[in-house]
Every structure is written in structure tokens, then in C-alpha cells.
């Protein structure tokens, strides 16, 4: 329910005067949600950028470790790439449709479970 608009400042209930501003000759409630929404959007953007950096750093670290392990086992980088490409394709084929469906339904519990499973698989692959 929207807050009322008053014709005169004197009509505003005591204690609520600071919550109103004059516009077009009437006293309207101050809309603080615009600033809050902007701040929220900015924080979301920063968080998403940070998450991307963390994922990239984790992938780079896992790739470096896998290359060291492959070199120690006598595998070439090309053989390792084929193995990883195959594993990645299988994981994407299995989880991306499920994740997309959960996002469509905004099913956060299922999305969290699927993302956790994917993280566990990624960690297992990185630990090989």
C-alpha cells in the first residue's frame, strides 16, 4: 500500500516529516528504494566480477597442476587436453541443462545442489 500524499506539510503525522519531500506543490513520501536498488545492482556486479576472477584463478591453478602431473607421468599436453575436453564436454552435457532449468524456475535449492555437484566434480578433476 503506497504512503499517502499530503497537500500541506502540517498534515504530515508528527515524526514523519523527514520522510516527505515537496514536489509539485504537494508533500510526497521520499522514495529511498531507487538509491538502494542502484547500490544493490552495483554490489551484485562487483560480486559477479569477483566470482569470475575466483573461478578463473581456480581453473588456472588446476590447469597448471594438471600440466605438472601430466609431465611427471610422461603425457603430452595434447593428450591431456583431449582428456580434459572430453571430460568437460560430458560434465557440460549433464549439468548445464539442469542448471538452466533450475534458473528458469528460480529453484535456488536445486540450483545450489547442482552447482555443488559441479564444484565437486571440478575439484576431483583438478586433483587428478
N, C-alpha and C. Protein backbone atom coordinates (compact mmCIF):
# COMPACT_ATOMS: atom_id res chain seq x y z
N UNK A 1 0.85 -1.17 0.00
CA UNK A 1 0.00 0.00 0.00
C UNK A 1 0.90 1.24 0.00
N UNK A 2 0.72 2.13 -0.96
CA UNK A 2 1.56 3.32 -1.02
C UNK A 2 1.26 4.28 0.14
N UNK A 3 2.28 5.00 0.49
CA UNK A 3 2.12 6.01 1.55
C UNK A 3 1.32 7.18 1.00
N UNK A 4 0.60 7.86 1.86
CA UNK A 4 -0.26 8.97 1.40
C UNK A 4 0.55 10.20 0.98
N UNK A 5 -0.05 10.99 0.12
CA UNK A 5 0.49 12.27 -0.31
C UNK A 5 -0.33 13.35 0.41
N UNK A 6 0.37 14.37 0.92
CA UNK A 6 -0.32 15.43 1.69
C UNK A 6 -0.26 16.75 0.94
N UNK A 7 -1.32 17.56 1.12
CA UNK A 7 -1.38 18.88 0.48
C UNK A 7 -0.53 19.91 1.23
N UNK A 8 -0.46 19.76 2.57
CA UNK A 8 0.28 20.72 3.40
C UNK A 8 1.25 19.96 4.29
N UNK A 9 2.36 20.59 4.59
CA UNK A 9 3.35 19.97 5.48
C UNK A 9 2.75 19.71 6.85
N UNK A 10 1.85 20.57 7.28
CA UNK A 10 1.24 20.43 8.59
C UNK A 10 0.37 19.17 8.70
N UNK A 11 -0.05 18.63 7.55
CA UNK A 11 -0.90 17.44 7.54
C UNK A 11 -0.12 16.15 7.77
N UNK A 12 1.20 16.23 7.61
CA UNK A 12 2.04 15.04 7.79
C UNK A 12 2.03 14.67 9.28
N UNK A 13 1.80 13.39 9.60
CA UNK A 13 1.78 12.99 11.02
C UNK A 13 3.11 13.32 11.70
N UNK A 14 3.03 13.72 12.97
CA UNK A 14 4.26 14.06 13.71
C UNK A 14 5.24 12.90 13.70
N UNK A 15 6.50 13.23 13.50
CA UNK A 15 7.55 12.22 13.47
C UNK A 15 7.87 11.70 12.08
N UNK A 16 7.02 12.01 11.11
CA UNK A 16 7.23 11.52 9.75
C UNK A 16 7.62 12.64 8.77
N UNK A 17 7.83 13.82 9.30
CA UNK A 17 8.14 14.97 8.44
C UNK A 17 9.41 14.74 7.60
N UNK A 18 10.41 14.05 8.19
CA UNK A 18 11.67 13.82 7.48
C UNK A 18 11.54 12.79 6.36
N UNK A 19 10.41 12.10 6.31
CA UNK A 19 10.19 11.07 5.31
C UNK A 19 9.46 11.59 4.08
N UNK A 20 9.20 12.90 4.05
CA UNK A 20 8.46 13.51 2.95
C UNK A 20 9.25 14.64 2.33
N UNK A 21 9.01 14.86 1.02
CA UNK A 21 9.62 15.98 0.31
C UNK A 21 8.54 16.66 -0.53
N UNK A 22 8.77 17.96 -0.77
CA UNK A 22 7.79 18.71 -1.53
C UNK A 22 8.10 18.58 -3.02
N UNK A 23 7.07 18.19 -3.76
CA UNK A 23 7.16 18.09 -5.22
C UNK A 23 5.82 18.53 -5.80
N UNK A 24 5.87 19.43 -6.75
CA UNK A 24 4.68 19.89 -7.46
C UNK A 24 3.61 20.41 -6.51
N UNK A 25 4.04 21.09 -5.45
CA UNK A 25 3.10 21.72 -4.52
C UNK A 25 2.49 20.78 -3.50
N UNK A 26 2.90 19.53 -3.49
CA UNK A 26 2.37 18.56 -2.52
C UNK A 26 3.54 17.87 -1.83
N UNK A 27 3.23 17.21 -0.72
CA UNK A 27 4.26 16.52 0.05
C UNK A 27 4.16 15.01 -0.22
N UNK A 28 5.21 14.50 -0.89
CA UNK A 28 5.26 13.09 -1.30
C UNK A 28 6.27 12.33 -0.42
N UNK A 29 6.01 11.03 -0.19
CA UNK A 29 6.99 10.24 0.55
C UNK A 29 8.29 10.15 -0.25
N UNK A 30 9.39 10.19 0.44
CA UNK A 30 10.71 10.08 -0.21
C UNK A 30 10.89 8.63 -0.65
N UNK A 31 11.25 8.44 -1.92
CA UNK A 31 11.49 7.10 -2.45
C UNK A 31 12.96 6.75 -2.28
N UNK A 32 13.25 6.00 -1.27
CA UNK A 32 14.63 5.62 -0.98
C UNK A 32 15.03 4.34 -1.71
N UNK A 33 14.08 3.69 -2.34
CA UNK A 33 14.39 2.41 -3.00
C UNK A 33 15.25 2.60 -4.24
N UNK A 34 15.16 3.74 -4.89
CA UNK A 34 15.94 3.98 -6.10
C UNK A 34 17.44 3.92 -5.77
N UNK A 35 17.84 4.63 -4.72
CA UNK A 35 19.25 4.61 -4.32
C UNK A 35 19.67 3.23 -3.86
N UNK A 36 18.80 2.56 -3.10
CA UNK A 36 19.11 1.22 -2.61
C UNK A 36 19.23 0.23 -3.77
N UNK A 37 18.35 0.33 -4.75
CA UNK A 37 18.41 -0.57 -5.89
C UNK A 37 19.69 -0.36 -6.67
N UNK A 38 20.09 0.89 -6.83
CA UNK A 38 21.35 1.18 -7.53
C UNK A 38 22.54 0.61 -6.78
N UNK A 39 22.55 0.76 -5.47
CA UNK A 39 23.64 0.21 -4.67
C UNK A 39 23.64 -1.31 -4.73
N UNK A 40 22.46 -1.91 -4.69
CA UNK A 40 22.35 -3.36 -4.77
C UNK A 40 22.86 -3.87 -6.12
N UNK A 41 22.46 -3.22 -7.20
CA UNK A 41 22.93 -3.61 -8.53
C UNK A 41 24.45 -3.50 -8.63
N UNK A 42 25.00 -2.43 -8.07
CA UNK A 42 26.45 -2.23 -8.10
C UNK A 42 27.17 -3.35 -7.33
N UNK A 43 26.65 -3.69 -6.17
CA UNK A 43 27.25 -4.76 -5.36
C UNK A 43 27.14 -6.11 -6.07
N UNK A 44 26.02 -6.36 -6.72
CA UNK A 44 25.86 -7.61 -7.47
C UNK A 44 26.88 -7.69 -8.60
N UNK A 45 27.07 -6.60 -9.30
CA UNK A 45 28.04 -6.57 -10.39
C UNK A 45 29.45 -6.84 -9.87
N UNK A 46 29.79 -6.22 -8.76
CA UNK A 46 31.11 -6.44 -8.16
C UNK A 46 31.28 -7.89 -7.72
N UNK A 47 30.23 -8.45 -7.11
CA UNK A 47 30.30 -9.84 -6.65
C UNK A 47 30.47 -10.79 -7.83
N UNK A 48 29.70 -10.56 -8.89
CA UNK A 48 29.80 -11.41 -10.07
C UNK A 48 31.19 -11.33 -10.69
N UNK A 49 31.77 -10.14 -10.74
CA UNK A 49 33.11 -9.98 -11.28
C UNK A 49 34.13 -10.71 -10.40
N UNK A 50 33.97 -10.60 -9.09
CA UNK A 50 34.87 -11.29 -8.17
C UNK A 50 34.74 -12.80 -8.30
N UNK A 51 33.51 -13.30 -8.46
CA UNK A 51 33.30 -14.74 -8.63
C UNK A 51 33.96 -15.23 -9.91
N UNK A 52 33.86 -14.45 -10.98
CA UNK A 52 34.50 -14.83 -12.23
C UNK A 52 36.02 -14.90 -12.07
N UNK A 53 36.58 -13.93 -11.35
CA UNK A 53 38.03 -13.95 -11.12
C UNK A 53 38.44 -15.17 -10.29
N UNK A 54 37.66 -15.49 -9.28
CA UNK A 54 37.97 -16.64 -8.44
C UNK A 54 37.90 -17.92 -9.27
N UNK A 55 36.87 -18.06 -10.08
CA UNK A 55 36.74 -19.26 -10.93
C UNK A 55 37.90 -19.36 -11.91
N UNK A 56 38.29 -18.23 -12.49
CA UNK A 56 39.40 -18.25 -13.44
C UNK A 56 40.70 -18.61 -12.74
N UNK A 57 40.93 -18.05 -11.58
CA UNK A 57 42.15 -18.36 -10.83
C UNK A 57 42.18 -19.83 -10.44
N UNK A 58 41.05 -20.37 -10.01
CA UNK A 58 40.99 -21.78 -9.63
C UNK A 58 41.24 -22.68 -10.84
N UNK A 59 40.67 -22.30 -11.97
CA UNK A 59 40.88 -23.08 -13.20
C UNK A 59 42.34 -23.01 -13.63
N UNK A 60 42.92 -21.81 -13.58
CA UNK A 60 44.33 -21.67 -13.96
C UNK A 60 45.23 -22.50 -13.06
N UNK A 61 44.93 -22.49 -11.76
CA UNK A 61 45.74 -23.28 -10.82
C UNK A 61 45.58 -24.76 -11.09
N UNK A 62 44.35 -25.20 -11.34
CA UNK A 62 44.10 -26.61 -11.63
C UNK A 62 44.78 -27.02 -12.93
N UNK A 63 44.73 -26.16 -13.94
CA UNK A 63 45.39 -26.45 -15.21
C UNK A 63 46.91 -26.58 -15.03
N UNK A 64 47.48 -25.68 -14.26
CA UNK A 64 48.92 -25.72 -14.02
C UNK A 64 49.30 -27.01 -13.29
N UNK A 65 48.51 -27.38 -12.29
CA UNK A 65 48.79 -28.62 -11.55
C UNK A 65 48.63 -29.83 -12.47
N UNK A 66 47.60 -29.84 -13.30
CA UNK A 66 47.38 -30.96 -14.22
C UNK A 66 48.54 -31.09 -15.21
N UNK A 67 49.05 -29.95 -15.69
CA UNK A 67 50.18 -29.99 -16.62
C UNK A 67 51.42 -30.54 -15.93
N UNK A 68 51.64 -30.14 -14.67
CA UNK A 68 52.79 -30.67 -13.93
C UNK A 68 52.64 -32.18 -13.73
N UNK A 69 51.43 -32.60 -13.37
CA UNK A 69 51.18 -34.03 -13.15
C UNK A 69 51.34 -34.82 -14.45
N UNK A 70 50.83 -34.26 -15.54
CA UNK A 70 50.93 -34.94 -16.83
C UNK A 70 52.38 -35.05 -17.27
N UNK A 71 53.14 -33.98 -17.07
CA UNK A 71 54.55 -34.02 -17.44
C UNK A 71 55.28 -35.07 -16.61
N UNK A 72 54.94 -35.18 -15.34
CA UNK A 72 55.57 -36.18 -14.47
C UNK A 72 55.19 -37.59 -14.90
N UNK A 73 53.97 -37.76 -15.46
CA UNK A 73 53.51 -39.08 -15.90
C UNK A 73 53.92 -39.38 -17.33
N UNK A 74 54.55 -38.43 -18.00
CA UNK A 74 55.01 -38.64 -19.36
C UNK A 74 53.96 -38.36 -20.43
N UNK A 75 52.85 -37.73 -20.07
CA UNK A 75 51.82 -37.39 -21.06
C UNK A 75 52.16 -36.07 -21.73
N UNK A 76 51.80 -35.97 -22.98
CA UNK A 76 52.00 -34.70 -23.66
C UNK A 76 50.83 -33.77 -23.33
N UNK A 77 51.03 -32.50 -23.55
CA UNK A 77 49.98 -31.52 -23.28
C UNK A 77 48.77 -31.77 -24.19
N UNK A 78 49.02 -32.22 -25.40
CA UNK A 78 47.94 -32.51 -26.33
C UNK A 78 47.07 -33.68 -25.84
N UNK A 79 47.70 -34.73 -25.31
CA UNK A 79 46.93 -35.85 -24.76
C UNK A 79 46.09 -35.39 -23.57
N UNK A 80 46.69 -34.59 -22.73
CA UNK A 80 45.98 -34.08 -21.56
C UNK A 80 44.79 -33.21 -21.99
N UNK A 81 45.00 -32.38 -23.01
CA UNK A 81 43.92 -31.51 -23.48
C UNK A 81 42.75 -32.34 -24.01
N UNK A 82 43.03 -33.41 -24.73
CA UNK A 82 41.97 -34.27 -25.25
C UNK A 82 41.17 -34.89 -24.10
N UNK A 83 41.86 -35.33 -23.08
CA UNK A 83 41.17 -35.93 -21.93
C UNK A 83 40.28 -34.90 -21.25
N UNK A 84 40.83 -33.72 -21.00
CA UNK A 84 40.05 -32.68 -20.33
C UNK A 84 38.88 -32.21 -21.19
N UNK A 85 39.09 -32.08 -22.48
CA UNK A 85 38.00 -31.66 -23.35
C UNK A 85 36.86 -32.67 -23.32
N UNK A 86 37.20 -33.93 -23.31
CA UNK A 86 36.19 -34.98 -23.24
C UNK A 86 35.44 -34.93 -21.91
N UNK A 87 36.15 -34.80 -20.83
CA UNK A 87 35.52 -34.74 -19.51
C UNK A 87 34.64 -33.50 -19.40
N UNK A 88 35.16 -32.37 -19.87
CA UNK A 88 34.40 -31.12 -19.79
C UNK A 88 33.12 -31.22 -20.61
N UNK A 89 33.20 -31.81 -21.78
CA UNK A 89 32.01 -31.96 -22.63
C UNK A 89 30.96 -32.83 -21.93
N UNK A 90 31.41 -33.90 -21.28
CA UNK A 90 30.46 -34.77 -20.56
C UNK A 90 29.81 -34.04 -19.40
N UNK A 91 30.61 -33.30 -18.64
CA UNK A 91 30.07 -32.57 -17.49
C UNK A 91 29.10 -31.49 -17.95
N UNK A 92 29.48 -30.75 -18.99
CA UNK A 92 28.58 -29.71 -19.51
C UNK A 92 27.27 -30.31 -20.01
N UNK A 93 27.38 -31.42 -20.74
CA UNK A 93 26.18 -32.06 -21.28
C UNK A 93 25.24 -32.50 -20.16
N UNK A 94 25.80 -32.93 -19.05
CA UNK A 94 24.96 -33.41 -17.95
C UNK A 94 24.40 -32.28 -17.10
N UNK A 95 25.22 -31.28 -16.76
CA UNK A 95 24.81 -30.30 -15.75
C UNK A 95 24.25 -29.01 -16.31
N UNK A 96 24.69 -28.54 -17.45
CA UNK A 96 24.20 -27.26 -17.95
C UNK A 96 22.69 -27.24 -18.19
N UNK A 97 22.10 -28.29 -18.78
CA UNK A 97 20.63 -28.26 -18.93
C UNK A 97 19.91 -28.23 -17.58
N UNK A 98 20.42 -28.97 -16.61
CA UNK A 98 19.80 -28.99 -15.29
C UNK A 98 19.92 -27.63 -14.62
N UNK A 99 21.07 -27.01 -14.74
CA UNK A 99 21.28 -25.69 -14.15
C UNK A 99 20.39 -24.66 -14.83
N UNK A 100 20.31 -24.70 -16.14
CA UNK A 100 19.47 -23.75 -16.88
C UNK A 100 17.99 -23.92 -16.48
N UNK A 101 17.55 -25.16 -16.33
CA UNK A 101 16.16 -25.41 -15.93
C UNK A 101 15.90 -24.88 -14.52
N UNK A 102 16.83 -25.11 -13.62
CA UNK A 102 16.66 -24.62 -12.25
C UNK A 102 16.64 -23.10 -12.22
N UNK A 103 17.48 -22.46 -13.04
CA UNK A 103 17.49 -21.00 -13.09
C UNK A 103 16.18 -20.46 -13.65
N UNK A 104 15.62 -21.15 -14.63
CA UNK A 104 14.33 -20.71 -15.18
C UNK A 104 13.25 -20.73 -14.11
N UNK A 105 13.26 -21.77 -13.31
CA UNK A 105 12.25 -21.90 -12.27
C UNK A 105 12.64 -21.14 -11.01
N UNK A 106 13.85 -20.61 -10.99
CA UNK A 106 14.36 -19.91 -9.82
C UNK A 106 14.36 -20.83 -8.61
N UNK A 107 14.63 -22.12 -8.88
CA UNK A 107 14.68 -23.12 -7.82
C UNK A 107 16.07 -23.07 -7.19
N UNK A 108 16.22 -22.21 -6.21
CA UNK A 108 17.54 -21.97 -5.63
C UNK A 108 18.10 -23.19 -4.92
N UNK A 109 17.25 -23.99 -4.29
CA UNK A 109 17.76 -25.17 -3.59
C UNK A 109 18.34 -26.17 -4.59
N UNK A 110 17.62 -26.44 -5.67
CA UNK A 110 18.13 -27.37 -6.67
C UNK A 110 19.36 -26.79 -7.37
N UNK A 111 19.32 -25.51 -7.66
CA UNK A 111 20.46 -24.86 -8.30
C UNK A 111 21.70 -24.97 -7.42
N UNK A 112 21.53 -24.76 -6.13
CA UNK A 112 22.66 -24.86 -5.20
C UNK A 112 23.21 -26.29 -5.18
N UNK A 113 22.32 -27.30 -5.17
CA UNK A 113 22.78 -28.70 -5.17
C UNK A 113 23.55 -29.02 -6.45
N UNK A 114 23.02 -28.58 -7.59
CA UNK A 114 23.69 -28.85 -8.86
C UNK A 114 25.04 -28.15 -8.95
N UNK A 115 25.07 -26.91 -8.50
CA UNK A 115 26.34 -26.17 -8.53
C UNK A 115 27.36 -26.83 -7.61
N UNK A 116 26.91 -27.33 -6.46
CA UNK A 116 27.81 -28.01 -5.53
C UNK A 116 28.35 -29.29 -6.16
N UNK A 117 27.49 -30.04 -6.84
CA UNK A 117 27.94 -31.25 -7.52
C UNK A 117 28.97 -30.92 -8.59
N UNK A 118 28.71 -29.85 -9.33
CA UNK A 118 29.66 -29.44 -10.37
C UNK A 118 30.99 -29.04 -9.76
N UNK A 119 30.96 -28.31 -8.65
CA UNK A 119 32.19 -27.91 -7.98
C UNK A 119 32.95 -29.13 -7.51
N UNK A 120 32.25 -30.13 -6.98
CA UNK A 120 32.91 -31.34 -6.52
C UNK A 120 33.57 -32.07 -7.68
N UNK A 121 32.90 -32.12 -8.81
CA UNK A 121 33.48 -32.77 -10.00
C UNK A 121 34.69 -31.99 -10.46
N UNK A 122 34.57 -30.65 -10.50
CA UNK A 122 35.70 -29.82 -10.91
C UNK A 122 36.90 -30.04 -9.99
N UNK A 123 36.65 -30.13 -8.70
CA UNK A 123 37.73 -30.35 -7.74
C UNK A 123 38.36 -31.72 -7.95
N UNK A 124 37.51 -32.71 -8.19
CA UNK A 124 38.03 -34.05 -8.42
C UNK A 124 38.90 -34.10 -9.67
N UNK A 125 38.45 -33.39 -10.71
CA UNK A 125 39.24 -33.34 -11.94
C UNK A 125 40.55 -32.59 -11.72
N UNK A 126 40.49 -31.55 -10.93
CA UNK A 126 41.69 -30.77 -10.68
C UNK A 126 42.68 -31.54 -9.82
N UNK A 127 42.19 -32.40 -8.98
CA UNK A 127 43.05 -33.18 -8.09
C UNK A 127 43.68 -34.39 -8.74
N UNK A 128 43.33 -34.70 -9.97
CA UNK A 128 43.88 -35.88 -10.64
C UNK A 128 45.34 -35.73 -10.92
